[in-house]
Amino acid sequence: MEKNKVLMAAEKLISIDSDDYKNLLSANDLYIEALTGSSATEIETMLRTILDKDYLILPFWARLIAFRLLCLLEPENDSFKKWAEGDISAFSDPELENKIKW
């Protein structure tokens, strides 16, 4: 399977030490740029690949925005909504969870 841009950007993001501020900012920008230009299939592939390797490795903000965009790109896909809801609820507090509308 060929790696897509968002998967490569996510792999770069998770490979950078949090103390490496300059490179982390660059990786964040690259991830956002790749994510916003990706299809639902590419985002799903990235999430499944990264989360299957290490469920906790992807930063909360990165997984939240990926799941949000995935659901926006495929609004009729109930399996994406259930997956997103389950994943995000594992990392958020109840107040935030009540504010997120899938």
C-alpha atoms as a PDB file:
ATOM      1  CA  MET A   1       0.000   0.000   0.000  1.00  0.00           C
ATOM      2  CA  GLU A   2       1.342   3.411  -0.983  1.00  0.00           C
ATOM      3  CA  LYS A   3       1.462   5.951   1.819  1.00  0.00           C
ATOM      4  CA  ASN A   4      -0.665   9.034   1.303  1.00  0.00           C
ATOM      5  CA  LYS A   5       0.391  12.566   2.275  1.00  0.00           C
ATOM      6  CA  VAL A   6      -1.617  12.719   5.478  1.00  0.00           C
ATOM      7  CA  LEU A   7      -0.243   9.392   6.669  1.00  0.00           C
ATOM      8  CA  MET A   8       3.314  10.548   6.007  1.00  0.00           C
ATOM      9  CA  ALA A   9       2.597  13.853   7.787  1.00  0.00           C
ATOM     10  CA  ALA A  10       1.110  12.035  10.795  1.00  0.00           C
ATOM     11  CA  GLU A  11       4.119   9.720  10.979  1.00  0.00           C
ATOM     12  CA  LYS A  12       6.418  12.742  10.958  1.00  0.00           C
ATOM     13  CA  LEU A  13       4.326  14.452  13.647  1.00  0.00           C
ATOM     14  CA  ILE A  14       4.488  11.500  16.021  1.00  0.00           C
ATOM     15  CA  SER A  15       8.205  10.962  15.427  1.00  0.00           C
ATOM     16  CA  ILE A  16       9.275  14.382  16.712  1.00  0.00           C
ATOM     17  CA  ASP A  17      10.241  14.864  20.333  1.00  0.00           C
ATOM     18  CA  SER A  18       7.962  17.334  22.112  1.00  0.00           C
ATOM     19  CA  ASP A  19      11.023  19.314  23.244  1.00  0.00           C
ATOM     20  CA  ASP A  20      11.985  19.998  19.607  1.00  0.00           C
ATOM     21  CA  TYR A  21       9.699  23.025  19.357  1.00  0.00           C
ATOM     22  CA  LYS A  22      10.787  24.313  15.937  1.00  0.00           C
ATOM     23  CA  ASN A  23      10.456  20.963  14.177  1.00  0.00           C
ATOM     24  CA  LEU A  24       7.240  20.185  16.043  1.00  0.00           C
ATOM     25  CA  LEU A  25       5.640  23.411  14.764  1.00  0.00           C
ATOM     26  CA  SER A  26       6.727  22.543  11.247  1.00  0.00           C
ATOM     27  CA  ALA A  27       5.302  19.024  11.588  1.00  0.00           C
ATOM     28  CA  ASN A  28       2.026  20.439  12.956  1.00  0.00           C
ATOM     29  CA  ASP A  29       1.719  22.732   9.933  1.00  0.00           C
ATOM     30  CA  LEU A  30       2.524  19.903   7.536  1.00  0.00           C
ATOM     31  CA  TYR A  31      -0.084  17.665   9.190  1.00  0.00           C
ATOM     32  CA  ILE A  32      -2.834  20.303   8.995  1.00  0.00           C
ATOM     33  CA  GLU A  33      -2.011  21.091   5.379  1.00  0.00           C
ATOM     34  CA  ALA A  34      -1.988  17.404   4.405  1.00  0.00           C
ATOM     35  CA  LEU A  35      -5.152  16.682   6.371  1.00  0.00           C
ATOM     36  CA  THR A  36      -7.202  19.477   4.839  1.00  0.00           C
ATOM     37  CA  GLY A  37      -6.249  18.347   1.342  1.00  0.00           C
ATOM     38  CA  SER A  38      -7.072  14.683   1.939  1.00  0.00           C
ATOM     39  CA  SER A  39     -10.030  12.563   0.973  1.00  0.00           C
ATOM     40  CA  ALA A  40     -12.094  10.633   3.507  1.00  0.00           C
ATOM     41  CA  THR A  41     -10.392   7.425   2.385  1.00  0.00           C
ATOM     42  CA  GLU A  42      -6.931   8.896   2.960  1.00  0.00           C
ATOM     43  CA  ILE A  43      -7.901  10.165   6.414  1.00  0.00           C
ATOM     44  CA  GLU A  44      -9.434   6.814   7.346  1.00  0.00           C
ATOM     45  CA  THR A  45      -6.289   5.011   6.180  1.00  0.00           C
ATOM     46  CA  MET A  46      -4.090   7.348   8.214  1.00  0.00           C
ATOM     47  CA  LEU A  47      -6.162   6.960  11.368  1.00  0.00           C
ATOM     48  CA  ARG A  48      -6.376   3.179  11.109  1.00  0.00           C
ATOM     49  CA  THR A  49      -2.655   2.827  10.350  1.00  0.00           C
ATOM     50  CA  ILE A  50      -1.452   5.147  13.121  1.00  0.00           C
ATOM     51  CA  LEU A  51      -3.935   4.027  15.777  1.00  0.00           C
ATOM     52  CA  ASP A  52      -3.381   0.335  15.021  1.00  0.00           C
ATOM     53  CA  LYS A  53       0.351   0.793  15.703  1.00  0.00           C
ATOM     54  CA  ASP A  54      -0.090   2.718  18.939  1.00  0.00           C
ATOM     55  CA  TYR A  55      -3.536   3.849  20.036  1.00  0.00           C
ATOM     56  CA  LEU A  56      -2.195   6.645  22.243  1.00  0.00           C
ATOM     57  CA  ILE A  57       0.531   8.091  20.000  1.00  0.00           C
ATOM     58  CA  LEU A  58      -1.491  10.608  17.974  1.00  0.00           C
ATOM     59  CA  PRO A  59      -2.009  13.867  19.900  1.00  0.00           C
ATOM     60  CA  PHE A  60      -5.593  14.560  20.937  1.00  0.00           C
ATOM     61  CA  TRP A  61      -5.891  17.697  18.808  1.00  0.00           C
ATOM     62  CA  ALA A  62      -4.623  15.795  15.743  1.00  0.00           C
ATOM     63  CA  ARG A  63      -7.062  12.917  16.138  1.00  0.00           C
ATOM     64  CA  LEU A  64      -9.966  15.262  16.960  1.00  0.00           C
ATOM     65  CA  ILE A  65      -9.517  17.328  13.820  1.00  0.00           C
ATOM     66  CA  ALA A  66      -9.001  14.203  11.690  1.00  0.00           C
ATOM     67  CA  PHE A  67     -12.203  12.603  12.964  1.00  0.00           C
ATOM     68  CA  ARG A  68     -14.127  15.853  12.583  1.00  0.00           C
ATOM     69  CA  LEU A  69     -12.992  16.264   8.983  1.00  0.00           C
ATOM     70  CA  LEU A  70     -13.665  12.598   8.239  1.00  0.00           C
ATOM     71  CA  CYS A  71     -17.257  13.004   9.445  1.00  0.00           C
ATOM     72  CA  LEU A  72     -17.692  16.249   7.509  1.00  0.00           C
ATOM     73  CA  LEU A  73     -16.477  14.613   4.314  1.00  0.00           C
ATOM     74  CA  GLU A  74     -18.760  11.595   4.797  1.00  0.00           C
ATOM     75  CA  PRO A  75     -21.803  12.954   6.704  1.00  0.00           C
ATOM     76  CA  GLU A  76     -23.988   9.960   5.873  1.00  0.00           C
ATOM     77  CA  ASN A  77     -21.447   7.367   7.035  1.00  0.00           C
ATOM     78  CA  ASP A  78     -22.735   6.208  10.415  1.00  0.00           C
ATOM     79  CA  SER A  79     -19.786   3.886  10.997  1.00  0.00           C
ATOM     80  CA  PHE A  80     -17.398   6.858  10.829  1.00  0.00           C
ATOM     81  CA  LYS A  81     -19.584   8.769  13.281  1.00  0.00           C
ATOM     82  CA  LYS A  82     -19.667   5.868  15.747  1.00  0.00           C
ATOM     83  CA  TRP A  83     -15.918   5.330  15.420  1.00  0.00           C
ATOM     84  CA  ALA A  84     -15.235   9.029  15.948  1.00  0.00           C
ATOM     85  CA  GLU A  85     -17.597   9.303  18.890  1.00  0.00           C
ATOM     86  CA  GLY A  86     -16.082   6.288  20.617  1.00  0.00           C
ATOM     87  CA  ASP A  87     -12.523   7.416  20.025  1.00  0.00           C
ATOM     88  CA  ILE A  88     -13.024  11.014  21.095  1.00  0.00           C
ATOM     89  CA  SER A  89     -15.033  10.065  24.182  1.00  0.00           C
ATOM     90  CA  ALA A  90     -12.053   8.014  25.365  1.00  0.00           C
ATOM     91  CA  PHE A  91      -9.927  11.177  25.439  1.00  0.00           C
ATOM     92  CA  SER A  92     -12.288  13.995  26.357  1.00  0.00           C
ATOM     93  CA  ASP A  93     -14.091  15.152  29.420  1.00  0.00           C
ATOM     94  CA  PRO A  94     -17.898  14.880  29.546  1.00  0.00           C
ATOM     95  CA  GLU A  95     -18.423  18.645  29.118  1.00  0.00           C
ATOM     96  CA  LEU A  96     -16.472  18.720  25.861  1.00  0.00           C
ATOM     97  CA  GLU A  97     -18.135  15.532  24.682  1.00  0.00           C
ATOM     98  CA  ASN A  98     -21.594  17.085  25.148  1.00  0.00           C
ATOM     99  CA  LYS A  99     -20.587  20.105  23.021  1.00  0.00           C
ATOM    100  CA  ILE A 100     -19.341  18.062  20.049  1.00  0.00           C
ATOM    101  CA  LYS A 101     -22.126  17.288  17.610  1.00  0.00           C
ATOM    102  CA  TRP A 102     -21.331  14.488  15.202  1.00  0.00           C
END
